[in-house]
Amino acid sequence: MLTVILTSCQNNASSGRRSQSTQTEKKIQPITFNADSAYEFVASQVAFGPRVPGTPAHAACAAWLTAKLNQYGAQVTKQNFKARTYDNVIRNGINIIASYNPDLKKRILLMSHWDSRPFADHDPDESLQNTPIDGANDGASGVGVLLELARQFQLKNPNIGVDIVLFDLEDWGPPTELNMSNEEYWGLGAQYWSKNPHIFGYQAAYGILLDMVGAKGAFFSKEYFSMQYAGFVVDKVWKVAAKLGYGNQFVNIKVGGVTDDHIPVNKYINIPTIDIIHLDTASKNGTFYDYWHTVSDDLSQIDKTSLGMVGEVVGAVVYNE
């Protein structure tokens, strides 16, 4: 994804990572979420190699994701599409949609992207900057959490409809050195799905996007566009996180915005959608976690505690509707 603005707008915490909410509303019961299982789902994706559209690794991972979601009882749709990347090349992509309780009108939309970046343009080693990346955190972590939630949905059916959408061609935006900042170059699968949903007239009460949720020490601020389009969803999720004891990680800090898959979902299909994304102005790149868009975004960066925390929070939101 492309950075748009990232400046701290508000800080109601005593320090950057120590926001703690005291809630007097009804208690949220924790859900069953297996962080070990989520980790294995991340590892399985990374084992295919970089999931760059048009490669054998990408095709093999698409088949595996589809099979897993079918195994966990979802109604699965593969949405094949074509999109033009920044370099004026038409590329093939596959969005993968898994639906639970497809006949229920009230629905929640859960999303992540499953492709990985074709070049490590932020790697400190210039000789590696044209190398495709594993995308363990940037892509696979969110998908790993959603696959484990899918497994849980089969074991305990939610009371509402849930659609999991895994977007393709999110990360084929232009390399940094080209200085091409058009947001339309990013999130191509999300743009396509938002304009051509898998079901005509599809709607959901709200959406939650997961991006870079697996690094050690991950924390999540209130991203600008999430607040602009879907502040009530941010409030809902952050309250659940606080009640589950994760107020130090889902921090009460408003930050700037990023171009990510939630933007087209908000703009084109009008589903109020938030981005749970690890933003860190103290990182090496000044925006995202340290190994964003480098060859070091590999399995060694993934922490089960972070995966488990995000899975528990999102799962509790779903099951408490």
C-alpha atoms as a PDB file:
ATOM      1  CA  MET A   1       0.000   0.000   0.000  1.00  0.00           C
ATOM      2  CA  LEU A   2       0.963   3.627  -0.522  1.00  0.00           C
ATOM      3  CA  THR A   3       1.412   6.108   2.266  1.00  0.00           C
ATOM      4  CA  VAL A   4      -0.711   9.231   1.894  1.00  0.00           C
ATOM      5  CA  ILE A   5      -0.322  11.091   5.180  1.00  0.00           C
ATOM      6  CA  LEU A   6       0.897   9.868   8.492  1.00  0.00           C
ATOM      7  CA  THR A   7       1.015  12.481  11.206  1.00  0.00           C
ATOM      8  CA  SER A   8      -0.245  12.150  14.727  1.00  0.00           C
ATOM      9  CA  CYS A   9      -3.556  13.969  15.019  1.00  0.00           C
ATOM     10  CA  GLN A  10      -4.597  13.223  18.582  1.00  0.00           C
ATOM     11  CA  ASN A  11      -3.183  11.432  21.555  1.00  0.00           C
ATOM     12  CA  ASN A  12      -5.439  10.727  24.501  1.00  0.00           C
ATOM     13  CA  ALA A  13      -3.041   8.198  25.989  1.00  0.00           C
ATOM     14  CA  SER A  14      -0.446   8.803  28.657  1.00  0.00           C
ATOM     15  CA  SER A  15       2.140   7.523  26.170  1.00  0.00           C
ATOM     16  CA  GLY A  16       2.146   6.246  22.602  1.00  0.00           C
ATOM     17  CA  ARG A  17       1.510   2.623  23.408  1.00  0.00           C
ATOM     18  CA  ARG A  18      -0.150   2.723  26.807  1.00  0.00           C
ATOM     19  CA  SER A  19      -3.746   3.662  26.209  1.00  0.00           C
ATOM     20  CA  GLN A  20      -6.088   1.816  28.570  1.00  0.00           C
ATOM     21  CA  SER A  21      -9.872   2.129  28.456  1.00  0.00           C
ATOM     22  CA  THR A  22     -12.154   1.509  31.397  1.00  0.00           C
ATOM     23  CA  GLN A  23     -15.474   0.194  30.157  1.00  0.00           C
ATOM     24  CA  THR A  24     -18.621  -0.162  32.227  1.00  0.00           C
ATOM     25  CA  GLU A  25     -20.758  -1.686  29.479  1.00  0.00           C
ATOM     26  CA  LYS A  26     -21.582  -5.377  29.273  1.00  0.00           C
ATOM     27  CA  LYS A  27     -18.632  -7.712  29.377  1.00  0.00           C
ATOM     28  CA  ILE A  28     -17.356  -9.175  26.112  1.00  0.00           C
ATOM     29  CA  GLN A  29     -16.660 -12.873  26.407  1.00  0.00           C
ATOM     30  CA  PRO A  30     -13.416 -13.978  24.759  1.00  0.00           C
ATOM     31  CA  ILE A  31     -13.749 -16.350  21.809  1.00  0.00           C
ATOM     32  CA  THR A  32     -11.822 -19.437  20.845  1.00  0.00           C
ATOM     33  CA  PHE A  33      -8.970 -18.455  18.536  1.00  0.00           C
ATOM     34  CA  ASN A  34      -5.929 -20.652  17.963  1.00  0.00           C
ATOM     35  CA  ALA A  35      -2.863 -18.487  17.359  1.00  0.00           C
ATOM     36  CA  ASP A  36      -0.751 -21.561  16.561  1.00  0.00           C
ATOM     37  CA  SER A  37      -3.175 -22.436  13.777  1.00  0.00           C
ATOM     38  CA  ALA A  38      -3.122 -18.883  12.416  1.00  0.00           C
ATOM     39  CA  TYR A  39       0.680 -18.991  12.407  1.00  0.00           C
ATOM     40  CA  GLU A  40       0.682 -22.238  10.448  1.00  0.00           C
ATOM     41  CA  PHE A  41      -1.640 -20.645   7.889  1.00  0.00           C
ATOM     42  CA  VAL A  42       0.880 -17.816   7.481  1.00  0.00           C
ATOM     43  CA  ALA A  43       3.736 -20.313   7.183  1.00  0.00           C
ATOM     44  CA  SER A  44       1.870 -22.299   4.526  1.00  0.00           C
ATOM     45  CA  GLN A  45       1.393 -19.211   2.392  1.00  0.00           C
ATOM     46  CA  VAL A  46       5.034 -18.180   2.681  1.00  0.00           C
ATOM     47  CA  ALA A  47       6.140 -21.726   1.788  1.00  0.00           C
ATOM     48  CA  PHE A  48       4.766 -21.294  -1.736  1.00  0.00           C
ATOM     49  CA  GLY A  49       7.305 -18.531  -2.342  1.00  0.00           C
ATOM     50  CA  PRO A  50       6.445 -14.925  -3.265  1.00  0.00           C
ATOM     51  CA  ARG A  51       2.763 -14.816  -4.240  1.00  0.00           C
ATOM     52  CA  VAL A  52       3.268 -12.530  -7.218  1.00  0.00           C
ATOM     53  CA  PRO A  53       0.413 -12.623  -9.753  1.00  0.00           C
ATOM     54  CA  GLY A  54       1.332 -14.565 -12.872  1.00  0.00           C
ATOM     55  CA  THR A  55       3.752 -16.934 -11.121  1.00  0.00           C
ATOM     56  CA  PRO A  56       3.353 -20.647 -10.299  1.00  0.00           C
ATOM     57  CA  ALA A  57       3.575 -19.817  -6.576  1.00  0.00           C
ATOM     58  CA  HIS A  58       0.618 -17.452  -6.918  1.00  0.00           C
ATOM     59  CA  ALA A  59      -1.484 -20.045  -8.755  1.00  0.00           C
ATOM     60  CA  ALA A  60      -0.636 -22.770  -6.230  1.00  0.00           C
ATOM     61  CA  CYS A  61      -1.483 -20.545  -3.272  1.00  0.00           C
ATOM     62  CA  ALA A  62      -4.815 -19.536  -4.852  1.00  0.00           C
ATOM     63  CA  ALA A  63      -5.757 -23.201  -5.168  1.00  0.00           C
ATOM     64  CA  TRP A  64      -4.720 -23.866  -1.565  1.00  0.00           C
ATOM     65  CA  LEU A  65      -6.682 -20.905  -0.183  1.00  0.00           C
ATOM     66  CA  THR A  66      -9.769 -21.960  -2.104  1.00  0.00           C
ATOM     67  CA  ALA A  67      -9.480 -25.543  -0.863  1.00  0.00           C
ATOM     68  CA  LYS A  68      -9.020 -24.433   2.754  1.00  0.00           C
ATOM     69  CA  LEU A  69     -12.069 -22.193   2.713  1.00  0.00           C
ATOM     70  CA  ASN A  70     -14.131 -24.953   1.130  1.00  0.00           C
ATOM     71  CA  GLN A  71     -12.839 -27.325   3.808  1.00  0.00           C
ATOM     72  CA  TYR A  72     -14.097 -24.929   6.478  1.00  0.00           C
ATOM     73  CA  GLY A  73     -17.623 -24.937   5.153  1.00  0.00           C
ATOM     74  CA  ALA A  74     -17.744 -21.646   3.286  1.00  0.00           C
ATOM     75  CA  GLN A  75     -19.553 -20.941   0.051  1.00  0.00           C
ATOM     76  CA  VAL A  76     -16.513 -19.995  -2.038  1.00  0.00           C
ATOM     77  CA  THR A  77     -16.393 -17.807  -5.133  1.00  0.00           C
ATOM     78  CA  LYS A  78     -13.266 -17.200  -7.203  1.00  0.00           C
ATOM     79  CA  GLN A  79     -13.464 -13.874  -8.999  1.00  0.00           C
ATOM     80  CA  ASN A  80     -11.033 -13.771 -11.916  1.00  0.00           C
ATOM     81  CA  PHE A  81     -10.319 -10.289 -13.207  1.00  0.00           C
ATOM     82  CA  LYS A  82      -7.903  -8.247 -15.287  1.00  0.00           C
ATOM     83  CA  ALA A  83      -6.383  -4.961 -14.180  1.00  0.00           C
ATOM     84  CA  ARG A  84      -3.859  -2.536 -15.626  1.00  0.00           C
ATOM     85  CA  THR A  85      -0.857  -1.890 -13.385  1.00  0.00           C
ATOM     86  CA  TYR A  86       1.093   1.372 -13.172  1.00  0.00           C
ATOM     87  CA  ASP A  87       3.443   0.187 -15.958  1.00  0.00           C
ATOM     88  CA  ASN A  88       0.535  -0.099 -18.432  1.00  0.00           C
ATOM     89  CA  VAL A  89       0.510  -3.918 -18.366  1.00  0.00           C
ATOM     90  CA  ILE A  90      -2.754  -5.866 -18.145  1.00  0.00           C
ATOM     91  CA  ARG A  91      -2.395  -8.487 -15.404  1.00  0.00           C
ATOM     92  CA  ASN A  92      -4.604 -11.325 -14.220  1.00  0.00           C
ATOM     93  CA  GLY A  93      -5.827 -11.437 -10.645  1.00  0.00           C
ATOM     94  CA  ILE A  94      -8.036 -13.636  -8.480  1.00  0.00           C
ATOM     95  CA  ASN A  95     -10.197 -12.368  -5.622  1.00  0.00           C
ATOM     96  CA  ILE A  96     -11.327 -15.195  -3.338  1.00  0.00           C
ATOM     97  CA  ILE A  97     -14.628 -14.770  -1.479  1.00  0.00           C
ATOM     98  CA  ALA A  98     -15.845 -17.084   1.298  1.00  0.00           C
ATOM     99  CA  SER A  99     -19.398 -16.648   2.605  1.00  0.00           C
ATOM    100  CA  TYR A 100     -20.965 -17.943   5.819  1.00  0.00           C
ATOM    101  CA  ASN A 101     -24.730 -17.898   6.302  1.00  0.00           C
ATOM    102  CA  PRO A 102     -25.206 -16.575   2.756  1.00  0.00           C
ATOM    103  CA  ASP A 103     -28.986 -16.276   3.182  1.00  0.00           C
ATOM    104  CA  LEU A 104     -28.818 -13.860   6.118  1.00  0.00           C
ATOM    105  CA  LYS A 105     -29.355 -10.206   5.279  1.00  0.00           C
ATOM    106  CA  LYS A 106     -27.189  -8.686   8.021  1.00  0.00           C
ATOM    107  CA  ARG A 107     -23.565  -9.237   7.042  1.00  0.00           C
ATOM    108  CA  ILE A 108     -20.062  -8.304   8.146  1.00  0.00           C
ATOM    109  CA  LEU A 109     -17.240  -8.058   5.619  1.00  0.00           C
ATOM    110  CA  LEU A 110     -13.726  -9.219   6.617  1.00  0.00           C
ATOM    111  CA  MET A 111     -10.816  -8.591   4.245  1.00  0.00           C
ATOM    112  CA  SER A 112      -7.110  -8.924   3.630  1.00  0.00           C
ATOM    113  CA  HIS A 113      -4.886  -9.107   0.545  1.00  0.00           C
ATOM    114  CA  TRP A 114      -3.181 -12.358  -0.314  1.00  0.00           C
ATOM    115  CA  ASP A 115      -0.681 -11.327  -3.008  1.00  0.00           C
ATOM    116  CA  SER A 116       2.863 -10.213  -2.205  1.00  0.00           C
ATOM    117  CA  ARG A 117       4.913  -7.379  -3.663  1.00  0.00           C
ATOM    118  CA  PRO A 118       6.921  -8.126  -6.831  1.00  0.00           C
ATOM    119  CA  PHE A 119       9.885  -6.000  -5.755  1.00  0.00           C
ATOM    120  CA  ALA A 120      11.550  -5.076  -2.460  1.00  0.00           C
ATOM    121  CA  ASP A 121      11.883  -1.390  -3.284  1.00  0.00           C
ATOM    122  CA  HIS A 122      12.426  -0.392   0.377  1.00  0.00           C
ATOM    123  CA  ASP A 123      15.198  -2.896   1.039  1.00  0.00           C
ATOM    124  CA  PRO A 124      18.362  -1.202   2.352  1.00  0.00           C
ATOM    125  CA  ASP A 125      20.402  -3.402  -0.016  1.00  0.00           C
ATOM    126  CA  GLU A 126      19.951  -1.817  -3.449  1.00  0.00           C
ATOM    127  CA  SER A 127      20.961  -5.086  -5.140  1.00  0.00           C
ATOM    128  CA  LEU A 128      17.809  -6.712  -3.705  1.00  0.00           C
ATOM    129  CA  GLN A 129      15.305  -4.008  -4.570  1.00  0.00           C
ATOM    130  CA  ASN A 130      14.002  -5.851  -7.650  1.00  0.00           C
ATOM    131  CA  THR A 131      13.522  -9.078  -5.693  1.00  0.00           C
ATOM    132  CA  PRO A 132       9.970 -10.344  -4.999  1.00  0.00           C
ATOM    133  CA  ILE A 133       9.164 -10.546  -1.292  1.00  0.00           C
ATOM    134  CA  ASP A 134       7.591 -13.247   0.859  1.00  0.00           C
ATOM    135  CA  GLY A 135       5.106 -10.786   2.338  1.00  0.00           C
ATOM    136  CA  ALA A 136       4.783 -12.748   5.573  1.00  0.00           C
ATOM    137  CA  ASN A 137       3.427  -9.761   7.462  1.00  0.00           C
ATOM    138  CA  ASP A 138       2.335  -7.642   4.500  1.00  0.00           C
ATOM    139  CA  GLY A 139      -0.433  -9.890   3.250  1.00  0.00           C
ATOM    140  CA  ALA A 140      -0.054 -13.365   4.707  1.00  0.00           C
ATOM    141  CA  SER A 141      -0.587 -12.334   8.344  1.00  0.00           C
ATOM    142  CA  GLY A 142      -4.074 -10.946   7.734  1.00  0.00           C
ATOM    143  CA  VAL A 143      -4.998 -13.951   5.618  1.00  0.00           C
ATOM    144  CA  GLY A 144      -3.729 -16.305   8.336  1.00  0.00           C
ATOM    145  CA  VAL A 145      -5.998 -14.651  10.898  1.00  0.00           C
ATOM    146  CA  LEU A 146      -8.996 -14.834   8.558  1.00  0.00           C
ATOM    147  CA  LEU A 147      -8.384 -18.506   7.759  1.00  0.00           C
ATOM    148  CA  GLU A 148      -8.371 -19.346  11.452  1.00  0.00           C
ATOM    149  CA  LEU A 149     -11.577 -17.359  11.891  1.00  0.00           C
ATOM    150  CA  ALA A 150     -13.077 -19.337   9.007  1.00  0.00           C
ATOM    151  CA  ARG A 151     -12.141 -22.541  10.807  1.00  0.00           C
ATOM    152  CA  GLN A 152     -13.865 -21.231  13.927  1.00  0.00           C
ATOM    153  CA  PHE A 153     -16.967 -20.203  11.963  1.00  0.00           C
ATOM    154  CA  GLN A 154     -17.373 -23.807  10.862  1.00  0.00           C
ATOM    155  CA  LEU A 155     -17.069 -25.010  14.459  1.00  0.00           C
ATOM    156  CA  LYS A 156     -19.412 -22.356  15.855  1.00  0.00           C
ATOM    157  CA  ASN A 157     -21.701 -20.688  13.356  1.00  0.00           C
ATOM    158  CA  PRO A 158     -22.054 -16.904  13.837  1.00  0.00           C
ATOM    159  CA  ASN A 159     -25.515 -15.383  14.263  1.00  0.00           C
ATOM    160  CA  ILE A 160     -24.991 -13.137  11.252  1.00  0.00           C
ATOM    161  CA  GLY A 161     -23.702 -13.474   7.720  1.00  0.00           C
ATOM    162  CA  VAL A 162     -19.943 -13.138   7.273  1.00  0.00           C
ATOM    163  CA  ASP A 163     -18.060 -12.688   4.017  1.00  0.00           C
ATOM    164  CA  ILE A 164     -14.293 -13.078   3.887  1.00  0.00           C
ATOM    165  CA  VAL A 165     -12.736 -11.447   0.831  1.00  0.00           C
ATOM    166  CA  LEU A 166      -9.090 -12.061  -0.023  1.00  0.00           C
ATOM    167  CA  PHE A 167      -8.004  -9.382  -2.491  1.00  0.00           C
ATOM    168  CA  ASP A 168      -5.393  -9.871  -5.192  1.00  0.00           C
ATOM    169  CA  LEU A 169      -3.134  -7.331  -6.904  1.00  0.00           C
ATOM    170  CA  GLU A 170      -3.077  -5.065  -3.876  1.00  0.00           C
ATOM    171  CA  ASP A 171       0.653  -4.583  -3.841  1.00  0.00           C
ATOM    172  CA  TRP A 172       1.686  -4.005  -7.469  1.00  0.00           C
ATOM    173  CA  GLY A 173       1.974  -0.253  -7.024  1.00  0.00           C
ATOM    174  CA  PRO A 174       4.919   1.664  -8.515  1.00  0.00           C
ATOM    175  CA  PRO A 175       8.374   1.513  -6.926  1.00  0.00           C
ATOM    176  CA  THR A 176       9.166   4.445  -4.685  1.00  0.00           C
ATOM    177  CA  GLU A 177      11.817   5.893  -6.973  1.00  0.00           C
ATOM    178  CA  LEU A 178       9.256   6.487  -9.742  1.00  0.00           C
ATOM    179  CA  ASN A 179       7.427   8.998  -7.523  1.00  0.00           C
ATOM    180  CA  MET A 180       4.027   7.989  -8.936  1.00  0.00           C
ATOM    181  CA  SER A 181       1.607   8.753  -6.124  1.00  0.00           C
ATOM    182  CA  ASN A 182      -1.785   8.052  -7.763  1.00  0.00           C
ATOM    183  CA  GLU A 183      -3.833   5.965  -5.308  1.00  0.00           C
ATOM    184  CA  GLU A 184      -5.515   4.187  -8.244  1.00  0.00           C
ATOM    185  CA  TYR A 185      -2.290   2.223  -8.812  1.00  0.00           C
ATOM    186  CA  TRP A 186      -2.834   0.312  -5.550  1.00  0.00           C
ATOM    187  CA  GLY A 187      -5.475  -2.133  -4.360  1.00  0.00           C
ATOM    188  CA  LEU A 188      -6.486  -3.252  -7.852  1.00  0.00           C
ATOM    189  CA  GLY A 189      -8.373  -6.326  -6.652  1.00  0.00           C
ATOM    190  CA  ALA A 190     -10.302  -4.284  -4.103  1.00  0.00           C
ATOM    191  CA  GLN A 191     -11.117  -1.694  -6.753  1.00  0.00           C
ATOM    192  CA  TYR A 192     -12.436  -4.397  -9.073  1.00  0.00           C
ATOM    193  CA  TRP A 193     -14.517  -6.167  -6.429  1.00  0.00           C
ATOM    194  CA  SER A 194     -15.948  -2.897  -5.102  1.00  0.00           C
ATOM    195  CA  LYS A 195     -17.198  -2.015  -8.595  1.00  0.00           C
ATOM    196  CA  ASN A 196     -18.150  -5.610  -9.472  1.00  0.00           C
ATOM    197  CA  PRO A 197     -19.122  -7.425  -6.252  1.00  0.00           C
ATOM    198  CA  HIS A 198     -19.533 -11.202  -6.331  1.00  0.00           C
ATOM    199  CA  ILE A 199     -23.280 -10.753  -5.767  1.00  0.00           C
ATOM    200  CA  PHE A 200     -25.203  -8.017  -7.555  1.00  0.00           C
ATOM    201  CA  GLY A 201     -26.329  -5.412  -5.046  1.00  0.00           C
ATOM    202  CA  TYR A 202     -24.141  -6.854  -2.277  1.00  0.00           C
ATOM    203  CA  GLN A 203     -24.104  -4.895   0.971  1.00  0.00           C
ATOM    204  CA  ALA A 204     -22.765  -5.362   4.481  1.00  0.00           C
ATOM    205  CA  ALA A 205     -23.311  -3.493   7.730  1.00  0.00           C
ATOM    206  CA  TYR A 206     -19.598  -2.718   7.876  1.00  0.00           C
ATOM    207  CA  GLY A 207     -16.181  -4.037   6.926  1.00  0.00           C
ATOM    208  CA  ILE A 208     -12.869  -4.731   8.665  1.00  0.00           C
ATOM    209  CA  LEU A 209      -9.616  -4.898   6.699  1.00  0.00           C
ATOM    210  CA  LEU A 210      -6.528  -6.553   8.205  1.00  0.00           C
ATOM    211  CA  ASP A 211      -3.078  -5.510   6.990  1.00  0.00           C
ATOM    212  CA  MET A 212       0.309  -6.171   8.611  1.00  0.00           C
ATOM    213  CA  VAL A 213      -1.117  -7.598  11.833  1.00  0.00           C
ATOM    214  CA  GLY A 214       1.519 -10.217  12.676  1.00  0.00           C
ATOM    215  CA  ALA A 215       4.742  -8.476  13.716  1.00  0.00           C
ATOM    216  CA  LYS A 216       6.109  -8.728  17.231  1.00  0.00           C
ATOM    217  CA  GLY A 217       4.851  -5.829  19.335  1.00  0.00           C
ATOM    218  CA  ALA A 218       2.237  -4.825  16.766  1.00  0.00           C
ATOM    219  CA  PHE A 219      -0.092  -2.025  17.807  1.00  0.00           C
ATOM    220  CA  PHE A 220      -2.943  -0.304  16.010  1.00  0.00           C
ATOM    221  CA  SER A 221      -3.855   3.369  15.934  1.00  0.00           C
ATOM    222  CA  LYS A 222      -7.050   4.926  14.581  1.00  0.00           C
ATOM    223  CA  GLU A 223      -6.252   5.461  10.901  1.00  0.00           C
ATOM    224  CA  TYR A 224      -7.601   8.669   9.348  1.00  0.00           C
ATOM    225  CA  PHE A 225      -9.723   7.262   6.513  1.00  0.00           C
ATOM    226  CA  SER A 226     -11.153   4.606   8.810  1.00  0.00           C
ATOM    227  CA  MET A 227     -12.323   7.361  11.133  1.00  0.00           C
ATOM    228  CA  GLN A 228     -13.584   9.502   8.251  1.00  0.00           C
ATOM    229  CA  TYR A 229     -15.660   6.788   6.595  1.00  0.00           C
ATOM    230  CA  ALA A 230     -16.487   4.476   9.496  1.00  0.00           C
ATOM    231  CA  GLY A 231     -15.747   6.044  12.863  1.00  0.00           C
ATOM    232  CA  PHE A 232     -18.508   4.014  14.517  1.00  0.00           C
ATOM    233  CA  VAL A 233     -16.779   0.796  13.429  1.00  0.00           C
ATOM    234  CA  VAL A 234     -13.448   1.981  14.826  1.00  0.00           C
ATOM    235  CA  ASP A 235     -15.183   2.763  18.123  1.00  0.00           C
ATOM    236  CA  LYS A 236     -16.862  -0.660  18.169  1.00  0.00           C
ATOM    237  CA  VAL A 237     -13.649  -2.591  17.515  1.00  0.00           C
ATOM    238  CA  TRP A 238     -11.486  -0.536  19.887  1.00  0.00           C
ATOM    239  CA  LYS A 239     -14.058  -0.921  22.691  1.00  0.00           C
ATOM    240  CA  VAL A 240     -14.074  -4.691  22.227  1.00  0.00           C
ATOM    241  CA  ALA A 241     -10.267  -4.729  22.258  1.00  0.00           C
ATOM    242  CA  ALA A 242     -10.196  -2.731  25.504  1.00  0.00           C
ATOM    243  CA  LYS A 243     -12.695  -5.056  27.151  1.00  0.00           C
ATOM    244  CA  LEU A 244     -10.559  -8.029  26.182  1.00  0.00           C
ATOM    245  CA  GLY A 245      -7.509  -6.403  27.777  1.00  0.00           C
ATOM    246  CA  TYR A 246      -5.847  -5.112  24.610  1.00  0.00           C
ATOM    247  CA  GLY A 247      -6.181  -1.387  25.265  1.00  0.00           C
ATOM    248  CA  ASN A 248      -2.393  -1.062  25.192  1.00  0.00           C
ATOM    249  CA  GLN A 249      -2.273  -2.447  21.645  1.00  0.00           C
ATOM    250  CA  PHE A 250      -5.432  -0.926  20.144  1.00  0.00           C
ATOM    251  CA  VAL A 251      -4.394   2.559  21.160  1.00  0.00           C
ATOM    252  CA  ASN A 252      -6.557   5.649  21.412  1.00  0.00           C
ATOM    253  CA  ILE A 253      -4.429   7.676  19.011  1.00  0.00           C
ATOM    254  CA  LYS A 254      -5.622   9.173  15.746  1.00  0.00           C
ATOM    255  CA  VAL A 255      -3.053   9.135  12.943  1.00  0.00           C
ATOM    256  CA  GLY A 256      -2.953  10.035   9.267  1.00  0.00           C
ATOM    257  CA  GLY A 257      -4.311   7.970   6.427  1.00  0.00           C
ATOM    258  CA  VAL A 258      -2.940   5.300   4.115  1.00  0.00           C
ATOM    259  CA  THR A 259      -4.078   4.148   0.709  1.00  0.00           C
ATOM    260  CA  ASP A 260      -5.193   0.579   1.285  1.00  0.00           C
ATOM    261  CA  ASP A 261      -7.987  -1.782   0.242  1.00  0.00           C
ATOM    262  CA  HIS A 262     -10.505  -0.109   2.555  1.00  0.00           C
ATOM    263  CA  ILE A 263     -10.525   3.037   0.383  1.00  0.00           C
ATOM    264  CA  PRO A 264     -12.279   1.549  -2.695  1.00  0.00           C
ATOM    265  CA  VAL A 265     -14.643  -0.438  -0.462  1.00  0.00           C
ATOM    266  CA  ASN A 266     -15.721   2.817   1.163  1.00  0.00           C
ATOM    267  CA  LYS A 267     -15.779   4.852  -2.050  1.00  0.00           C
ATOM    268  CA  TYR A 268     -17.275   2.519  -4.642  1.00  0.00           C
ATOM    269  CA  ILE A 269     -19.574   0.140  -2.776  1.00  0.00           C
ATOM    270  CA  ASN A 270     -20.279   2.415   0.196  1.00  0.00           C
ATOM    271  CA  ILE A 271     -19.648  -0.148   2.928  1.00  0.00           C
ATOM    272  CA  PRO A 272     -18.242   1.650   5.992  1.00  0.00           C
ATOM    273  CA  THR A 273     -14.882  -0.047   6.366  1.00  0.00           C
ATOM    274  CA  ILE A 274     -11.875   0.319   8.645  1.00  0.00           C
ATOM    275  CA  ASP A 275      -8.249  -0.694   8.341  1.00  0.00           C
ATOM    276  CA  ILE A 276      -6.596  -2.493  11.261  1.00  0.00           C
ATOM    277  CA  ILE A 277      -3.002  -1.819  10.258  1.00  0.00           C
ATOM    278  CA  HIS A 278       0.294  -1.530  12.102  1.00  0.00           C
ATOM    279  CA  LEU A 279       1.514   2.049  11.617  1.00  0.00           C
ATOM    280  CA  ASP A 280       4.669   3.187  13.389  1.00  0.00           C
ATOM    281  CA  THR A 281       6.323   6.564  12.840  1.00  0.00           C
ATOM    282  CA  ALA A 282       9.272   5.336  14.931  1.00  0.00           C
ATOM    283  CA  SER A 283      10.079   2.532  12.467  1.00  0.00           C
ATOM    284  CA  LYS A 284      13.030   2.532  10.056  1.00  0.00           C
ATOM    285  CA  ASN A 285      10.823   3.683   7.167  1.00  0.00           C
ATOM    286  CA  GLY A 286       8.873   6.148   9.290  1.00  0.00           C
ATOM    287  CA  THR A 287       5.436   4.733   8.501  1.00  0.00           C
ATOM    288  CA  PHE A 288       5.005   0.959   8.606  1.00  0.00           C
ATOM    289  CA  TYR A 289       6.745  -1.829  10.467  1.00  0.00           C
ATOM    290  CA  ASP A 290      10.503  -2.055   9.982  1.00  0.00           C
ATOM    291  CA  TYR A 291      10.609  -4.693   7.229  1.00  0.00           C
ATOM    292  CA  TRP A 292       7.799  -3.369   5.018  1.00  0.00           C
ATOM    293  CA  HIS A 293       8.550  -3.936   1.315  1.00  0.00           C
ATOM    294  CA  THR A 294      11.909  -5.598   2.008  1.00  0.00           C
ATOM    295  CA  VAL A 295      13.132  -9.156   1.517  1.00  0.00           C
ATOM    296  CA  SER A 296      13.225  -9.453   5.314  1.00  0.00           C
ATOM    297  CA  ASP A 297       9.415  -9.526   5.491  1.00  0.00           C
ATOM    298  CA  ASP A 298       9.634 -13.266   6.020  1.00  0.00           C
ATOM    299  CA  LEU A 299       8.284 -15.805   8.489  1.00  0.00           C
ATOM    300  CA  SER A 300      10.848 -14.832  11.139  1.00  0.00           C
ATOM    301  CA  GLN A 301       8.953 -11.561  11.609  1.00  0.00           C
ATOM    302  CA  ILE A 302       5.651 -13.246  12.546  1.00  0.00           C
ATOM    303  CA  ASP A 303       4.601 -13.383  16.188  1.00  0.00           C
ATOM    304  CA  LYS A 304       1.839 -15.684  17.398  1.00  0.00           C
ATOM    305  CA  THR A 305       0.863 -13.289  20.169  1.00  0.00           C
ATOM    306  CA  SER A 306       0.026 -10.535  17.670  1.00  0.00           C
ATOM    307  CA  LEU A 307      -1.926 -12.913  15.442  1.00  0.00           C
ATOM    308  CA  GLY A 308      -3.857 -14.219  18.437  1.00  0.00           C
ATOM    309  CA  MET A 309      -4.698 -10.755  19.711  1.00  0.00           C
ATOM    310  CA  VAL A 310      -6.100  -9.563  16.377  1.00  0.00           C
ATOM    311  CA  GLY A 311      -8.001 -12.801  15.843  1.00  0.00           C
ATOM    312  CA  GLU A 312      -9.576 -12.625  19.298  1.00  0.00           C
ATOM    313  CA  VAL A 313     -10.680  -9.029  18.802  1.00  0.00           C
ATOM    314  CA  VAL A 314     -12.154  -9.486  15.320  1.00  0.00           C
ATOM    315  CA  GLY A 315     -13.768 -12.784  16.291  1.00  0.00           C
ATOM    316  CA  ALA A 316     -15.343 -11.208  19.378  1.00  0.00           C
ATOM    317  CA  VAL A 317     -16.751  -8.394  17.229  1.00  0.00           C
ATOM    318  CA  VAL A 318     -18.373 -10.962  14.933  1.00  0.00           C
ATOM    319  CA  TYR A 319     -19.745 -13.251  17.620  1.00  0.00           C
ATOM    320  CA  ASN A 320     -21.091 -10.401  19.738  1.00  0.00           C
ATOM    321  CA  GLU A 321     -23.247  -8.933  16.963  1.00  0.00           C
END
